[in-house]
Protein backbone atom coordinates (compact mmCIF):
# COMPACT_ATOMS: atom_id res chain seq x y z
CA MET A 1 -33.04 50.14 -0.45
CA LYS A 2 -35.07 53.26 2.27
CA LYS A 3 -35.61 56.59 0.33
CA VAL A 4 -35.43 59.66 2.46
CA ILE A 5 -36.87 63.61 0.70
CA ILE A 6 -34.91 66.10 1.52
CA GLY A 7 -37.17 69.08 0.46
CA SER A 8 -35.35 72.39 -0.84
CA ARG A 9 -35.96 75.29 -2.01
CA GLU A 10 -35.71 75.76 -6.04
CA SER A 11 -32.55 77.84 -6.11
CA MET A 12 -29.07 76.86 -7.44
CA LEU A 13 -27.83 78.22 -4.01
CA ALA A 14 -30.20 76.36 -1.87
CA VAL A 15 -29.98 72.97 -3.85
CA ALA A 16 -25.92 72.62 -3.79
CA GLN A 17 -26.81 73.13 0.05
CA THR A 18 -28.66 70.62 0.26
CA ARG A 19 -26.72 68.22 -1.85
CA ILE A 20 -24.16 68.33 1.43
CA LEU A 21 -26.51 66.40 3.51
CA GLN A 22 -27.86 63.90 0.60
CA GLU A 23 -24.52 62.92 -0.14
CA TYR A 24 -23.15 62.99 3.56
CA ILE A 25 -26.43 60.75 3.68
CA GLU A 26 -25.47 58.28 1.44
CA LYS A 27 -21.95 58.09 1.78
CA ASN A 28 -22.42 57.45 5.26
CA CYS A 29 -26.50 56.01 5.82
CA PRO A 30 -26.32 51.85 3.89
CA GLY A 31 -29.72 51.12 3.05
CA ILE A 32 -30.43 54.48 2.88
CA SER A 33 -30.92 56.68 -0.24
CA ALA A 34 -31.90 60.17 -0.81
CA GLU A 35 -33.27 62.66 -3.34
CA ILE A 36 -34.07 66.68 -3.42
CA LEU A 37 -37.90 68.24 -3.46
CA THR A 38 -37.66 71.69 -4.45
CA MET A 39 -40.09 74.34 -4.24
CA LYS A 40 -40.21 77.76 -4.90
CA THR A 41 -40.98 79.62 -1.43
CA THR A 42 -43.54 83.16 -0.81
CA GLY A 43 -40.27 84.41 -0.10
CA ASP A 44 -39.09 83.65 -3.50
CA LYS A 45 -41.80 84.39 -4.69
CA ILE A 46 -42.48 88.59 -3.86
CA LEU A 47 -38.91 90.03 -4.85
CA GLU A 48 -39.75 93.73 -4.77
CA LYS A 49 -39.78 94.30 -0.92
CA ARG A 50 -37.96 93.87 2.15
CA LEU A 51 -38.64 90.78 3.98
CA ASP A 52 -39.72 92.67 6.89
CA GLU A 53 -42.05 94.75 4.62
CA ILE A 54 -44.06 91.23 3.94
CA GLY A 55 -43.82 89.36 6.78
CA GLY A 56 -40.33 88.22 8.02
CA LYS A 57 -38.29 84.91 7.50
CA GLY A 58 -41.07 83.26 7.43
CA LEU A 59 -41.61 83.44 4.22
CA PHE A 60 -39.22 81.58 3.30
CA VAL A 61 -39.72 78.12 5.16
CA LYS A 62 -43.67 78.19 5.24
CA GLU A 63 -44.14 75.30 1.96
CA LEU A 64 -41.11 73.60 3.19
CA ASP A 65 -42.08 73.01 7.17
CA ARG A 66 -45.93 72.41 5.30
CA ALA A 67 -44.33 69.42 3.09
CA LEU A 68 -42.41 67.86 6.27
CA LEU A 69 -45.79 68.03 7.66
CA GLU A 70 -47.86 65.71 4.78
CA ASN A 71 -44.76 63.23 4.37
CA ARG A 72 -44.06 65.06 1.36
CA SER A 73 -40.53 65.02 2.52
CA GLN A 74 -39.05 64.42 5.16
CA LEU A 75 -36.07 66.47 6.03
CA SER A 76 -35.53 69.75 5.36
CA VAL A 77 -32.48 72.85 4.67
CA HIS A 78 -31.99 75.89 5.08
CA SER A 79 -29.32 78.52 5.65
CA LEU A 80 -30.00 78.90 9.59
CA LYS A 81 -29.52 82.80 8.60
CA ASP A 82 -32.90 82.55 7.00
CA MET A 83 -34.53 80.68 9.27
CA PRO A 84 -37.61 82.61 12.30
CA MET A 85 -35.82 82.24 15.46
CA GLU A 86 -39.33 80.64 16.44
CA THR A 87 -39.84 76.75 15.29
CA ASP A 88 -42.87 74.79 14.98
CA GLU A 89 -42.16 72.09 17.92
CA ALA A 90 -43.39 69.61 15.41
CA LEU A 91 -40.66 70.18 13.04
CA PRO A 92 -37.77 70.73 15.51
CA ILE A 93 -34.33 71.56 14.29
CA LEU A 94 -32.11 68.45 14.55
CA GLY A 95 -28.40 69.52 14.12
CA PHE A 96 -26.65 72.29 12.16
CA SER A 97 -23.82 71.27 10.04
CA GLY A 98 -20.31 72.74 10.52
CA ARG A 99 -19.46 76.84 9.78
CA GLU A 100 -18.88 77.78 6.02
CA ASP A 101 -17.20 80.40 6.32
CA PRO A 102 -18.87 83.52 8.52
CA ARG A 103 -18.26 86.45 6.85
CA ASP A 104 -19.75 88.80 4.24
CA VAL A 105 -18.11 90.19 1.07
CA LEU A 106 -17.94 92.95 -1.08
CA VAL A 107 -18.33 91.89 -5.21
CA LEU A 108 -17.89 94.20 -7.96
CA PRO A 109 -18.20 94.73 -11.50
CA ALA A 110 -15.36 93.25 -13.95
CA GLY A 111 -11.81 95.27 -13.60
CA ARG A 112 -13.13 98.12 -10.56
CA THR A 113 -11.76 97.87 -7.71
CA GLU A 114 -13.61 100.17 -5.69
CA PRO A 115 -17.54 100.63 -5.99
CA ASP A 116 -18.91 102.79 -8.12
CA PRO A 117 -20.20 106.18 -6.43
CA ALA A 118 -22.41 106.95 -8.65
CA LEU A 119 -24.10 103.54 -8.56
CA PRO A 120 -25.99 102.08 -5.19
CA ILE A 121 -24.55 99.15 -3.58
CA GLY A 122 -27.47 96.78 -3.42
CA THR A 123 -28.24 94.99 -0.60
CA SER A 124 -31.72 93.72 0.58
CA SER A 125 -30.12 93.24 4.91
CA LEU A 126 -30.46 96.79 6.75
CA ARG A 127 -27.47 95.14 8.71
CA ARG A 128 -25.46 95.29 5.51
CA GLU A 129 -27.24 98.71 5.23
CA LEU A 130 -26.55 100.81 8.55
CA GLN A 131 -22.21 98.98 8.95
CA LEU A 132 -21.86 100.53 5.42
CA LYS A 133 -22.44 103.61 6.39
CA LYS A 134 -19.71 103.71 7.92
CA LEU A 135 -17.52 101.98 6.21
CA TYR A 136 -18.66 103.51 2.57
CA PRO A 137 -19.73 107.07 4.14
CA GLY A 138 -21.85 109.03 1.26
CA ILE A 139 -22.98 105.77 -0.59
CA LYS A 140 -26.02 105.07 -1.76
CA THR A 141 -26.98 101.73 -1.14
CA GLU A 142 -30.07 99.83 -2.65
CA MET A 143 -32.34 97.35 -1.63
CA ILE A 144 -32.51 93.46 -4.04
CA ARG A 145 -33.44 90.36 -3.78
CA GLY A 146 -33.56 87.00 -5.77
CA ASN A 147 -30.67 84.17 -5.96
CA VAL A 148 -27.67 84.68 -6.30
CA ASN A 149 -26.65 84.06 -9.71
CA SER A 150 -30.10 86.93 -10.71
CA ARG A 151 -27.70 89.50 -8.37
CA LEU A 152 -24.89 88.90 -9.81
CA LYS A 153 -26.50 89.85 -13.31
CA LYS A 154 -28.29 92.77 -12.01
CA LEU A 155 -24.73 94.21 -11.12
CA ASP A 156 -22.81 92.90 -14.45
CA GLU A 157 -25.50 94.51 -16.61
CA GLY A 158 -24.58 98.08 -14.53
CA LYS A 159 -27.59 98.71 -12.07
CA TYR A 160 -25.50 98.67 -8.99
CA GLY A 161 -22.08 99.71 -8.15
CA ALA A 162 -21.19 96.72 -5.91
CA LEU A 163 -23.13 94.26 -3.99
CA VAL A 164 -23.24 92.61 -0.43
CA LEU A 165 -23.48 89.20 -0.54
CA ALA A 166 -22.89 86.28 2.38
CA ALA A 167 -19.31 84.84 1.62
CA ALA A 168 -20.25 81.07 2.01
CA GLY A 169 -23.24 81.27 -0.26
CA LEU A 170 -20.41 82.40 -3.06
CA LYS A 171 -18.45 79.51 -1.48
CA ARG A 172 -20.96 76.49 -1.45
CA LEU A 173 -21.83 77.81 -5.62
CA GLY A 174 -17.84 77.62 -6.93
CA LEU A 175 -18.16 80.96 -7.03
CA SER A 176 -15.25 82.80 -4.69
CA GLU A 177 -13.55 84.41 -7.75
CA ARG A 178 -16.70 86.69 -7.23
CA ILE A 179 -15.29 88.43 -4.17
CA SER A 180 -13.15 91.32 -4.33
CA ARG A 181 -13.00 92.33 -0.24
CA TYR A 182 -14.04 89.90 3.20
CA PHE A 183 -15.09 92.28 5.04
CA SER A 184 -13.92 91.00 9.26
CA VAL A 185 -16.51 90.76 11.64
CA GLU A 186 -15.12 93.37 13.06
CA GLU A 187 -16.40 95.11 9.94
CA MET A 188 -19.29 93.93 9.33
CA LEU A 189 -21.14 92.03 11.84
CA PRO A 190 -23.03 88.31 10.28
CA ALA A 191 -26.30 87.72 11.11
CA ALA A 192 -27.05 84.81 13.07
CA GLY A 193 -26.77 81.82 11.97
CA GLN A 194 -24.31 83.29 8.83
CA GLY A 195 -22.21 79.89 7.53
CA ILE A 196 -24.46 77.31 9.26
CA LEU A 197 -27.02 74.67 7.97
CA ALA A 198 -30.25 73.68 9.89
CA VAL A 199 -30.86 70.63 9.35
CA GLN A 200 -35.07 70.39 10.20
CA GLY A 201 -36.71 67.20 10.86
CA ARG A 202 -40.41 65.96 12.22
CA ARG A 203 -40.92 65.00 16.30
CA ASP A 204 -41.84 61.99 15.19
CA MET A 205 -39.34 60.48 13.38
CA ASP A 206 -35.21 58.68 14.35
CA TYR A 207 -32.51 60.83 12.87
CA LYS A 208 -29.87 58.74 14.72
CA VAL A 209 -27.84 58.08 11.72
CA LEU A 210 -27.56 61.62 10.50
CA ALA A 211 -25.42 62.37 13.70
CA GLY A 212 -22.40 62.22 12.49
CA PHE A 213 -23.32 65.59 10.01
CA PHE A 214 -23.56 67.80 13.34
CA ASP A 215 -21.00 70.16 14.34
CA GLU A 216 -20.49 70.59 18.04
CA GLU A 217 -18.88 73.91 17.65
CA ALA A 218 -21.98 75.45 15.35
CA ARG A 219 -24.30 74.40 17.28
CA ASP A 220 -23.56 75.97 20.39
CA ALA A 221 -22.62 79.46 18.06
CA ALA A 222 -25.45 78.96 16.72
CA LEU A 223 -28.27 78.55 19.45
CA ALA A 224 -25.30 81.66 21.71
CA GLU A 225 -26.39 83.97 18.34
CA ARG A 226 -30.49 83.20 18.12
CA ALA A 227 -30.81 83.49 21.94
CA PHE A 228 -29.55 86.60 21.35
CA VAL A 229 -31.33 88.27 18.04
CA ARG A 230 -34.53 86.17 19.76
CA ALA A 231 -34.15 88.10 22.92
CA LEU A 232 -34.64 91.28 20.74
CA GLY A 233 -37.86 90.52 19.16
CA GLY A 234 -36.16 88.27 16.26
CA GLY A 235 -34.25 90.45 14.36
CA CYS A 236 -36.29 91.71 11.53
CA PHE A 237 -38.45 94.88 12.00
CA SER A 238 -34.98 96.14 14.56
CA PRO A 239 -32.02 95.19 12.63
CA ALA A 240 -29.44 93.27 15.23
CA ALA A 241 -27.08 90.81 14.54
CA ALA A 242 -24.99 88.21 16.56
CA TYR A 243 -21.97 86.50 16.14
CA ALA A 244 -20.29 83.71 18.47
CA VAL A 245 -16.87 82.12 18.40
CA CYS A 246 -16.55 78.91 21.16
CA GLU A 247 -12.48 78.99 21.96
CA GLY A 248 -12.17 75.13 24.02
CA GLU A 249 -15.21 75.13 26.16
CA GLU A 250 -16.37 79.76 26.61
CA LEU A 251 -17.93 81.01 24.64
CA VAL A 252 -17.09 85.05 22.99
CA LEU A 253 -20.69 86.82 21.76
CA THR A 254 -20.47 89.61 20.10
CA GLY A 255 -24.28 91.24 19.43
CA LEU A 256 -25.46 94.14 17.61
CA TYR A 257 -28.73 96.77 17.69
CA ALA A 258 -30.29 98.61 16.19
CA GLY A 259 -32.66 101.63 18.34
CA GLU A 260 -35.13 103.72 17.09
CA ASN A 261 -32.06 107.42 16.95
CA ARG A 262 -31.12 108.67 13.65
CA GLY A 263 -28.85 111.23 13.39
CA SER A 264 -25.03 111.91 12.62
CA CYS A 265 -21.89 109.44 13.91
CA ALA A 266 -20.39 109.56 17.32
CA GLU A 267 -18.54 107.55 19.01
CA ARG A 268 -17.86 106.63 22.84
CA GLY A 269 -16.47 104.01 25.01
CA GLY A 270 -18.09 100.95 26.31
CA LYS A 271 -17.07 99.22 29.14
CA ALA A 272 -14.21 97.40 29.53
CA GLY A 273 -13.96 95.07 26.92
CA THR A 274 -17.03 95.98 25.12
CA LEU A 275 -16.80 98.17 21.29
CA ALA A 276 -19.82 100.02 20.91
CA VAL A 277 -20.27 102.30 18.57
CA TRP A 278 -23.47 104.99 18.24
CA TYR A 279 -25.90 106.85 15.17
CA GLN A 280 -27.38 109.87 16.13
CA GLY A 281 -29.54 111.96 13.63
CA LYS A 282 -30.52 110.56 10.44
CA ASP A 283 -29.22 106.94 10.29
CA PRO A 284 -30.53 104.29 12.35
CA GLY A 285 -28.25 103.46 15.76
CA TYR A 286 -26.85 100.28 16.54
CA ILE A 287 -24.52 99.17 19.38
CA LEU A 288 -22.06 96.34 19.18
CA ASP A 289 -21.07 95.03 22.69
CA THR A 290 -19.90 91.55 23.77
CA ILE A 291 -20.42 89.08 26.12
CA ARG A 292 -17.50 85.79 27.58
CA GLY A 293 -19.36 82.71 29.01
CA LYS A 294 -19.20 78.98 28.91
CA ARG A 295 -20.32 77.32 26.32
CA ILE A 296 -22.99 75.14 27.55
CA ASP A 297 -24.11 78.99 29.14
CA GLY A 298 -24.34 79.64 24.80
CA GLU A 299 -28.72 80.76 25.56
CA ARG A 300 -28.27 82.45 28.88
CA LEU A 301 -25.53 84.90 27.17
CA GLY A 302 -26.68 85.11 24.52
CA ALA A 303 -30.28 86.57 26.47
CA GLU A 304 -28.43 88.29 29.12
CA LEU A 305 -26.22 90.13 26.16
CA ALA A 306 -30.03 90.49 24.31
CA GLU A 307 -30.87 92.20 27.57
CA ARG A 308 -28.16 94.97 28.65
CA MET A 309 -27.71 96.31 25.08
CA ARG A 310 -31.78 96.41 25.43
CA ARG A 311 -31.04 99.10 28.21
CA GLU A 312 -28.49 100.54 27.15
CA ILE A 313 -30.03 102.02 24.19
CA SER A 314 -33.37 102.60 25.94
CA ASP A 315 -30.64 105.19 28.07
CA LYS A 316 -30.15 107.52 25.39
């Protein structure tokens, strides 16, 4: 029997997500067994700083990429939202899983129905922080990093009034009961690729046996979302978010982009079919906008929306 090694970060969530592919291989690929190789990435080791301060999302994949290049593994599984926008040509993304719930959620300590205003809301994401300012005016936010379980422990110890996490991760860990509130995508636009798993491999290997694992709608949404963020420079140092929905042969993409301006909240109408929200003064600015087109043109639509929003902010 042929054995395939799948690389994974060592967190419980990463392993749970990697097991989804492992179980698919063992069920659907006769003659192939799958084993998981776990490792701690640089991004998992440095927890006292934001990712944008220590090198970005690439810190979550370097060790996994090295294992692939050295043939210590033949596949890697990643949360797509944690992957850098540019990948090594020798290590292509082979495909994308079906999308789990893409929404962000609020997690509260037991017995509470709203965040304690005396305590900060924990998040490591500037994207979430910006949108929380509108949902909870005056609330403080504070950086929190680490795996899901360590964050929940800090919440339950009273260090935070609430956490904002991805619904997908909690559901894959069997922790749905910790969810206190789901934010609609209109309230809090998700990170590009949120809820989707990316499977990465080597350019010189044949992975046809995995074709049935991949999802076409998730692929088209992911490519559009990532094209939007990539066109804005990667989304790590200037917050950006994107969420695409496939409607038959069409795709609707909504993007969020933050500019350099700071100030109080003001709303204004945008072009027909768009929503634009602008923060000016002490708070960082962001706008939201939407584009629709053919699914096969998803990457072009992402880049077009990014350029349109870049011009909109630069005109302020």
